[in-house]
Amino acid sequence: MPTNPAARQSPQDYVDAMARDRGYVLDYHKVMAEHDFDVLQATNQLVHAAYLAPRSLAPATKELLFILSLTVMRAAKGHIQSHIRVALDLGLTPQEILEAIEIALPEAGIVAFQTGLDAWREAVGASGIEPTAEVHQSGSGTD
């Protein structure tokens, strides 16, 4: 069970506890620990209550929700990937994670979906089928 790192401790110990509890630490956590530790602690209290503390939803379900919501919001690839890696560590399959990302399609559209798909592709090492016909390579088109 994750510990609540809100108890007064050094910024370094706090970040280390965050890493153990979450399985990742984002860049903003590191910067805030150094430059505004009180706000980091306040922010992390909310995250602890809604995400880390044991509640009705299973941790794997929470990760899928995070992956989907971050995809819809077009979050940074690294942020999405941090939750994909935790989901994999929790035993979710790449296919289950992809299916969660695909839910973004009807509500947020292809551009948001591609954000999540690209993060997923890199995190799980997925590749695609290359056409044998000559085509223009666009990298990541929307059609």
N, C-alpha and C. Protein backbone atom coordinates (compact mmCIF):
# COMPACT_ATOMS: atom_id res chain seq x y z
N MET A 1 0.85 -1.17 0.00
CA MET A 1 0.00 0.00 0.00
C MET A 1 0.90 1.24 0.00
N PRO A 2 0.60 2.24 -0.88
CA PRO A 2 1.43 3.43 -0.93
C PRO A 2 1.41 4.19 0.39
N THR A 3 2.54 4.77 0.70
CA THR A 3 2.61 5.60 1.89
C THR A 3 2.22 7.01 1.52
N ASN A 4 1.80 7.77 2.48
CA ASN A 4 1.45 9.16 2.22
C ASN A 4 2.69 10.01 2.51
N PRO A 5 3.34 10.52 1.44
CA PRO A 5 4.56 11.28 1.65
C PRO A 5 4.32 12.70 2.13
N ALA A 6 3.08 13.01 2.54
CA ALA A 6 2.77 14.37 2.96
C ALA A 6 3.37 14.72 4.32
N ALA A 7 3.74 13.69 5.09
CA ALA A 7 4.39 13.98 6.37
C ALA A 7 5.65 14.80 6.09
N ARG A 8 5.96 15.74 6.95
CA ARG A 8 7.09 16.64 6.72
C ARG A 8 8.38 15.85 6.61
N GLN A 9 9.05 15.99 5.49
CA GLN A 9 10.32 15.34 5.23
C GLN A 9 11.09 16.21 4.25
N SER A 10 12.32 15.86 3.99
CA SER A 10 13.12 16.66 3.07
C SER A 10 12.55 16.52 1.66
N PRO A 11 12.78 17.53 0.82
CA PRO A 11 12.32 17.42 -0.57
C PRO A 11 12.85 16.16 -1.26
N GLN A 12 14.09 15.79 -1.01
CA GLN A 12 14.65 14.58 -1.64
C GLN A 12 13.91 13.34 -1.18
N ASP A 13 13.70 13.22 0.13
CA ASP A 13 12.98 12.06 0.65
C ASP A 13 11.55 12.02 0.11
N TYR A 14 10.96 13.19 -0.04
CA TYR A 14 9.59 13.28 -0.56
C TYR A 14 9.52 12.78 -2.00
N VAL A 15 10.44 13.24 -2.84
CA VAL A 15 10.46 12.81 -4.24
C VAL A 15 10.74 11.30 -4.32
N ASP A 16 11.63 10.81 -3.49
CA ASP A 16 11.92 9.37 -3.46
C ASP A 16 10.67 8.57 -3.08
N ALA A 17 9.91 9.07 -2.10
CA ALA A 17 8.66 8.40 -1.70
C ALA A 17 7.64 8.43 -2.83
N MET A 18 7.56 9.56 -3.53
CA MET A 18 6.66 9.66 -4.68
C MET A 18 7.03 8.61 -5.73
N ALA A 19 8.31 8.47 -6.00
CA ALA A 19 8.76 7.50 -7.00
C ALA A 19 8.38 6.08 -6.59
N ARG A 20 8.56 5.76 -5.32
CA ARG A 20 8.19 4.42 -4.84
C ARG A 20 6.68 4.20 -4.92
N ASP A 21 5.89 5.19 -4.54
CA ASP A 21 4.43 5.05 -4.53
C ASP A 21 3.83 4.97 -5.92
N ARG A 22 4.35 5.78 -6.84
CA ARG A 22 3.75 5.89 -8.17
C ARG A 22 4.41 4.99 -9.20
N GLY A 23 5.70 4.75 -9.02
CA GLY A 23 6.45 4.05 -10.05
C GLY A 23 7.05 4.99 -11.08
N TYR A 24 6.89 6.27 -10.89
CA TYR A 24 7.44 7.30 -11.78
C TYR A 24 7.44 8.62 -11.04
N VAL A 25 8.19 9.57 -11.54
CA VAL A 25 8.18 10.95 -11.07
C VAL A 25 8.26 11.83 -12.31
N LEU A 26 7.40 12.81 -12.42
CA LEU A 26 7.40 13.71 -13.58
C LEU A 26 8.36 14.86 -13.35
N ASP A 27 8.76 15.50 -14.44
CA ASP A 27 9.68 16.64 -14.34
C ASP A 27 9.14 17.73 -13.42
N TYR A 28 7.84 18.00 -13.51
CA TYR A 28 7.31 19.08 -12.67
C TYR A 28 7.41 18.74 -11.19
N HIS A 29 7.34 17.46 -10.85
CA HIS A 29 7.52 17.06 -9.44
C HIS A 29 8.92 17.44 -8.96
N LYS A 30 9.90 17.16 -9.78
CA LYS A 30 11.29 17.44 -9.42
C LYS A 30 11.53 18.94 -9.26
N VAL A 31 11.00 19.71 -10.20
CA VAL A 31 11.20 21.17 -10.16
C VAL A 31 10.48 21.77 -8.96
N MET A 32 9.24 21.33 -8.72
CA MET A 32 8.49 21.88 -7.60
C MET A 32 9.11 21.48 -6.27
N ALA A 33 9.69 20.29 -6.18
CA ALA A 33 10.35 19.88 -4.94
C ALA A 33 11.48 20.83 -4.61
N GLU A 34 12.15 21.31 -5.62
CA GLU A 34 13.28 22.21 -5.42
C GLU A 34 12.85 23.66 -5.20
N HIS A 35 11.77 24.09 -5.88
CA HIS A 35 11.45 25.51 -5.90
C HIS A 35 10.17 25.92 -5.18
N ASP A 36 9.24 25.01 -4.96
CA ASP A 36 8.04 25.33 -4.17
C ASP A 36 7.50 24.05 -3.56
N PHE A 37 8.23 23.57 -2.60
CA PHE A 37 7.95 22.30 -1.95
C PHE A 37 6.55 22.26 -1.33
N ASP A 38 6.10 23.39 -0.74
CA ASP A 38 4.78 23.41 -0.11
C ASP A 38 3.66 23.16 -1.13
N VAL A 39 3.77 23.76 -2.31
CA VAL A 39 2.73 23.56 -3.33
C VAL A 39 2.79 22.13 -3.87
N LEU A 40 4.00 21.59 -4.05
CA LEU A 40 4.10 20.19 -4.47
C LEU A 40 3.40 19.28 -3.48
N GLN A 41 3.63 19.50 -2.19
CA GLN A 41 3.00 18.67 -1.17
C GLN A 41 1.48 18.81 -1.22
N ALA A 42 0.98 20.03 -1.39
CA ALA A 42 -0.46 20.24 -1.45
C ALA A 42 -1.06 19.54 -2.67
N THR A 43 -0.40 19.67 -3.80
CA THR A 43 -0.87 19.02 -5.02
C THR A 43 -0.85 17.50 -4.87
N ASN A 44 0.21 17.01 -4.28
CA ASN A 44 0.34 15.56 -4.13
C ASN A 44 -0.69 14.99 -3.15
N GLN A 45 -1.13 15.78 -2.20
CA GLN A 45 -2.18 15.31 -1.28
C GLN A 45 -3.45 14.96 -2.05
N LEU A 46 -3.81 15.81 -3.01
CA LEU A 46 -5.00 15.54 -3.83
C LEU A 46 -4.79 14.28 -4.66
N VAL A 47 -3.63 14.17 -5.29
CA VAL A 47 -3.32 12.99 -6.09
C VAL A 47 -3.34 11.74 -5.22
N HIS A 48 -2.81 11.84 -4.02
CA HIS A 48 -2.79 10.70 -3.11
C HIS A 48 -4.22 10.26 -2.79
N ALA A 49 -5.08 11.22 -2.48
CA ALA A 49 -6.46 10.89 -2.10
C ALA A 49 -7.24 10.29 -3.28
N ALA A 50 -7.08 10.84 -4.47
CA ALA A 50 -7.88 10.40 -5.61
C ALA A 50 -7.28 9.21 -6.36
N TYR A 51 -5.97 9.05 -6.32
CA TYR A 51 -5.31 8.08 -7.19
C TYR A 51 -4.53 7.00 -6.44
N LEU A 52 -3.75 7.39 -5.48
CA LEU A 52 -2.86 6.43 -4.83
C LEU A 52 -3.50 5.66 -3.69
N ALA A 53 -4.36 6.31 -2.95
CA ALA A 53 -4.99 5.65 -1.80
C ALA A 53 -5.93 4.55 -2.28
N PRO A 54 -5.93 3.42 -1.59
CA PRO A 54 -6.87 2.35 -1.95
C PRO A 54 -8.31 2.83 -1.81
N ARG A 55 -9.08 2.64 -2.86
CA ARG A 55 -10.49 3.00 -2.86
C ARG A 55 -11.25 1.94 -3.63
N SER A 56 -12.39 2.26 -4.20
CA SER A 56 -13.22 1.27 -4.89
C SER A 56 -12.62 0.79 -6.21
N LEU A 57 -11.99 1.68 -6.97
CA LEU A 57 -11.42 1.29 -8.25
C LEU A 57 -10.08 0.59 -8.06
N ALA A 58 -9.88 -0.45 -8.83
CA ALA A 58 -8.62 -1.17 -8.81
C ALA A 58 -7.52 -0.30 -9.43
N PRO A 59 -6.29 -0.47 -8.98
CA PRO A 59 -5.19 0.32 -9.56
C PRO A 59 -5.09 0.22 -11.08
N ALA A 60 -5.32 -0.96 -11.64
CA ALA A 60 -5.25 -1.11 -13.10
C ALA A 60 -6.33 -0.28 -13.79
N THR A 61 -7.51 -0.23 -13.21
CA THR A 61 -8.60 0.59 -13.77
C THR A 61 -8.22 2.06 -13.73
N LYS A 62 -7.65 2.49 -12.62
CA LYS A 62 -7.21 3.89 -12.50
C LYS A 62 -6.18 4.22 -13.57
N GLU A 63 -5.27 3.30 -13.84
CA GLU A 63 -4.25 3.56 -14.87
C GLU A 63 -4.89 3.71 -16.24
N LEU A 64 -5.85 2.84 -16.57
CA LEU A 64 -6.53 2.97 -17.86
C LEU A 64 -7.25 4.31 -17.98
N LEU A 65 -7.87 4.73 -16.89
CA LEU A 65 -8.55 6.03 -16.90
C LEU A 65 -7.56 7.17 -17.08
N PHE A 66 -6.43 7.07 -16.40
CA PHE A 66 -5.39 8.08 -16.56
C PHE A 66 -4.89 8.12 -18.00
N ILE A 67 -4.61 6.97 -18.57
CA ILE A 67 -4.10 6.90 -19.94
C ILE A 67 -5.10 7.52 -20.90
N LEU A 68 -6.36 7.17 -20.74
CA LEU A 68 -7.39 7.73 -21.61
C LEU A 68 -7.53 9.23 -21.42
N SER A 69 -7.61 9.69 -20.19
CA SER A 69 -7.81 11.12 -19.97
C SER A 69 -6.60 11.93 -20.43
N LEU A 70 -5.40 11.43 -20.22
CA LEU A 70 -4.21 12.12 -20.69
C LEU A 70 -4.16 12.16 -22.22
N THR A 71 -4.62 11.08 -22.85
CA THR A 71 -4.70 11.05 -24.31
C THR A 71 -5.67 12.11 -24.82
N VAL A 72 -6.85 12.15 -24.24
CA VAL A 72 -7.86 13.13 -24.65
C VAL A 72 -7.36 14.55 -24.46
N MET A 73 -6.60 14.77 -23.40
CA MET A 73 -6.06 16.11 -23.13
C MET A 73 -4.79 16.40 -23.93
N ARG A 74 -4.33 15.43 -24.71
CA ARG A 74 -3.11 15.56 -25.50
C ARG A 74 -1.92 15.93 -24.63
N ALA A 75 -1.79 15.20 -23.56
CA ALA A 75 -0.68 15.41 -22.62
C ALA A 75 0.64 15.05 -23.30
N ALA A 76 1.71 15.44 -22.67
CA ALA A 76 3.04 15.10 -23.18
C ALA A 76 3.20 13.58 -23.25
N LYS A 77 3.89 13.15 -24.28
CA LYS A 77 4.08 11.72 -24.51
C LYS A 77 4.67 11.02 -23.28
N GLY A 78 5.66 11.65 -22.66
CA GLY A 78 6.28 11.03 -21.50
C GLY A 78 5.33 10.84 -20.34
N HIS A 79 4.39 11.76 -20.18
CA HIS A 79 3.41 11.64 -19.11
C HIS A 79 2.49 10.44 -19.37
N ILE A 80 2.01 10.34 -20.61
CA ILE A 80 1.16 9.19 -20.96
C ILE A 80 1.95 7.89 -20.79
N GLN A 81 3.19 7.89 -21.25
CA GLN A 81 3.99 6.67 -21.16
C GLN A 81 4.27 6.25 -19.72
N SER A 82 4.37 7.21 -18.81
CA SER A 82 4.60 6.83 -17.42
C SER A 82 3.44 5.99 -16.90
N HIS A 83 2.23 6.34 -17.29
CA HIS A 83 1.06 5.57 -16.86
C HIS A 83 0.93 4.27 -17.65
N ILE A 84 1.35 4.25 -18.90
CA ILE A 84 1.36 3.00 -19.66
C ILE A 84 2.31 2.00 -19.01
N ARG A 85 3.46 2.45 -18.60
CA ARG A 85 4.44 1.56 -17.96
C ARG A 85 3.92 1.01 -16.63
N VAL A 86 3.26 1.88 -15.85
CA VAL A 86 2.68 1.41 -14.60
C VAL A 86 1.59 0.38 -14.89
N ALA A 87 0.76 0.65 -15.91
CA ALA A 87 -0.30 -0.29 -16.28
C ALA A 87 0.28 -1.65 -16.67
N LEU A 88 1.36 -1.62 -17.44
CA LEU A 88 2.02 -2.87 -17.81
C LEU A 88 2.55 -3.59 -16.57
N ASP A 89 3.14 -2.83 -15.66
CA ASP A 89 3.65 -3.42 -14.41
C ASP A 89 2.53 -4.05 -13.60
N LEU A 90 1.32 -3.49 -13.70
CA LEU A 90 0.17 -4.03 -12.97
C LEU A 90 -0.44 -5.25 -13.66
N GLY A 91 0.10 -5.62 -14.81
CA GLY A 91 -0.39 -6.82 -15.49
C GLY A 91 -1.33 -6.57 -16.65
N LEU A 92 -1.61 -5.32 -16.97
CA LEU A 92 -2.44 -5.06 -18.14
C LEU A 92 -1.66 -5.38 -19.39
N THR A 93 -2.35 -5.82 -20.42
CA THR A 93 -1.68 -6.16 -21.68
C THR A 93 -1.61 -4.92 -22.57
N PRO A 94 -0.67 -4.92 -23.51
CA PRO A 94 -0.64 -3.82 -24.48
C PRO A 94 -1.99 -3.65 -25.20
N GLN A 95 -2.65 -4.75 -25.51
CA GLN A 95 -3.95 -4.68 -26.20
C GLN A 95 -5.00 -3.99 -25.32
N GLU A 96 -5.04 -4.30 -24.04
CA GLU A 96 -6.01 -3.65 -23.14
C GLU A 96 -5.75 -2.15 -23.08
N ILE A 97 -4.49 -1.77 -23.03
CA ILE A 97 -4.14 -0.35 -22.97
C ILE A 97 -4.51 0.33 -24.28
N LEU A 98 -4.25 -0.33 -25.41
CA LEU A 98 -4.63 0.24 -26.71
C LEU A 98 -6.13 0.44 -26.78
N GLU A 99 -6.90 -0.51 -26.30
CA GLU A 99 -8.36 -0.38 -26.33
C GLU A 99 -8.83 0.81 -25.50
N ALA A 100 -8.16 1.09 -24.41
CA ALA A 100 -8.52 2.28 -23.61
C ALA A 100 -8.22 3.55 -24.41
N ILE A 101 -7.08 3.58 -25.08
CA ILE A 101 -6.71 4.74 -25.88
C ILE A 101 -7.70 4.93 -27.03
N GLU A 102 -8.17 3.85 -27.61
CA GLU A 102 -9.11 3.92 -28.73
C GLU A 102 -10.44 4.56 -28.34
N ILE A 103 -10.77 4.54 -27.07
CA ILE A 103 -12.01 5.20 -26.62
C ILE A 103 -11.95 6.70 -26.87
N ALA A 104 -10.74 7.25 -27.02
CA ALA A 104 -10.59 8.68 -27.32
C ALA A 104 -11.15 9.04 -28.70
N LEU A 105 -11.17 8.09 -29.61
CA LEU A 105 -11.58 8.38 -30.99
C LEU A 105 -12.96 9.04 -31.11
N PRO A 106 -14.03 8.44 -30.59
CA PRO A 106 -15.34 9.07 -30.81
C PRO A 106 -15.53 10.39 -30.06
N GLU A 107 -14.86 10.56 -28.95
CA GLU A 107 -15.08 11.76 -28.14
C GLU A 107 -14.10 12.88 -28.42
N ALA A 108 -12.85 12.54 -28.71
CA ALA A 108 -11.81 13.57 -28.85
C ALA A 108 -11.22 13.65 -30.25
N GLY A 109 -11.46 12.64 -31.08
CA GLY A 109 -11.00 12.68 -32.46
C GLY A 109 -9.65 12.04 -32.70
N ILE A 110 -9.32 12.00 -33.98
CA ILE A 110 -8.12 11.30 -34.43
C ILE A 110 -6.84 11.94 -33.94
N VAL A 111 -6.80 13.27 -33.84
CA VAL A 111 -5.55 13.93 -33.42
C VAL A 111 -5.22 13.58 -31.97
N ALA A 112 -6.21 13.62 -31.11
CA ALA A 112 -5.98 13.23 -29.71
C ALA A 112 -5.62 11.75 -29.64
N PHE A 113 -6.33 10.92 -30.39
CA PHE A 113 -6.03 9.48 -30.41
C PHE A 113 -4.58 9.24 -30.81
N GLN A 114 -4.11 9.94 -31.84
CA GLN A 114 -2.74 9.74 -32.30
C GLN A 114 -1.71 10.08 -31.23
N THR A 115 -2.03 11.04 -30.38
CA THR A 115 -1.13 11.37 -29.27
C THR A 115 -0.94 10.16 -28.37
N GLY A 116 -2.04 9.53 -27.99
CA GLY A 116 -1.96 8.34 -27.15
C GLY A 116 -1.37 7.15 -27.87
N LEU A 117 -1.74 6.97 -29.14
CA LEU A 117 -1.21 5.85 -29.91
C LEU A 117 0.30 5.93 -30.05
N ASP A 118 0.81 7.13 -30.31
CA ASP A 118 2.25 7.30 -30.46
C ASP A 118 2.96 6.98 -29.14
N ALA A 119 2.41 7.44 -28.03
CA ALA A 119 3.00 7.13 -26.73
C ALA A 119 2.97 5.62 -26.48
N TRP A 120 1.84 4.99 -26.78
CA TRP A 120 1.69 3.55 -26.60
C TRP A 120 2.68 2.78 -27.47
N ARG A 121 2.76 3.17 -28.75
CA ARG A 121 3.64 2.49 -29.71
C ARG A 121 5.07 2.45 -29.20
N GLU A 122 5.56 3.59 -28.73
CA GLU A 122 6.92 3.64 -28.22
C GLU A 122 7.07 2.84 -26.92
N ALA A 123 6.09 2.95 -26.04
CA ALA A 123 6.19 2.30 -24.73
C ALA A 123 6.18 0.78 -24.83
N VAL A 124 5.41 0.24 -25.79
CA VAL A 124 5.30 -1.22 -25.90
C VAL A 124 6.12 -1.79 -27.05
N GLY A 125 6.76 -0.93 -27.82
CA GLY A 125 7.59 -1.39 -28.94
C GLY A 125 6.79 -1.90 -30.12
N ALA A 126 5.60 -1.34 -30.33
CA ALA A 126 4.75 -1.77 -31.44
C ALA A 126 5.23 -1.17 -32.75
N SER A 127 5.06 -1.92 -33.82
CA SER A 127 5.38 -1.41 -35.15
C SER A 127 4.15 -1.58 -36.03
N GLY A 128 4.22 -1.05 -37.22
CA GLY A 128 3.10 -1.14 -38.14
C GLY A 128 3.49 -1.87 -39.40
N ILE A 129 2.54 -2.01 -40.30
CA ILE A 129 2.77 -2.65 -41.60
C ILE A 129 3.07 -1.55 -42.60
N GLU A 130 4.21 -1.65 -43.24
CA GLU A 130 4.60 -0.66 -44.24
C GLU A 130 3.97 -1.03 -45.58
N PRO A 131 3.47 -0.02 -46.30
CA PRO A 131 2.90 -0.31 -47.63
C PRO A 131 4.01 -0.69 -48.61
N THR A 132 3.66 -1.55 -49.53
CA THR A 132 4.62 -1.90 -50.58
C THR A 132 4.49 -0.95 -51.76
N ALA A 133 3.39 -0.23 -51.86
CA ALA A 133 3.20 0.75 -52.92
C ALA A 133 3.94 2.03 -52.55
N GLU A 134 4.34 2.77 -53.56
CA GLU A 134 5.04 4.03 -53.31
C GLU A 134 4.07 5.06 -52.75
N VAL A 135 4.44 5.66 -51.63
CA VAL A 135 3.59 6.68 -50.98
C VAL A 135 4.46 7.80 -50.47
N HIS A 136 3.82 8.92 -50.23
CA HIS A 136 4.51 10.04 -49.55
C HIS A 136 4.48 9.75 -48.07
N GLN A 137 5.59 9.89 -47.40
CA GLN A 137 5.65 9.64 -45.96
C GLN A 137 5.41 10.95 -45.24
N SER A 138 4.37 10.99 -44.41
CA SER A 138 4.05 12.20 -43.67
C SER A 138 4.40 12.09 -42.19
N GLY A 139 4.77 10.93 -41.74
CA GLY A 139 5.07 10.77 -40.32
C GLY A 139 3.84 10.36 -39.54
N SER A 140 2.90 11.29 -39.37
CA SER A 140 1.68 10.96 -38.62
C SER A 140 0.53 11.79 -39.17
N GLY A 141 -0.07 11.31 -40.21
CA GLY A 141 -1.21 12.01 -40.81
C GLY A 141 -2.47 11.82 -40.03
N THR A 142 -3.51 12.55 -40.39
CA THR A 142 -4.78 12.47 -39.66
C THR A 142 -5.86 11.75 -40.44
N ASP A 143 -5.53 11.16 -41.57
CA ASP A 143 -6.59 10.48 -42.32
C ASP A 143 -6.38 9.00 -42.40
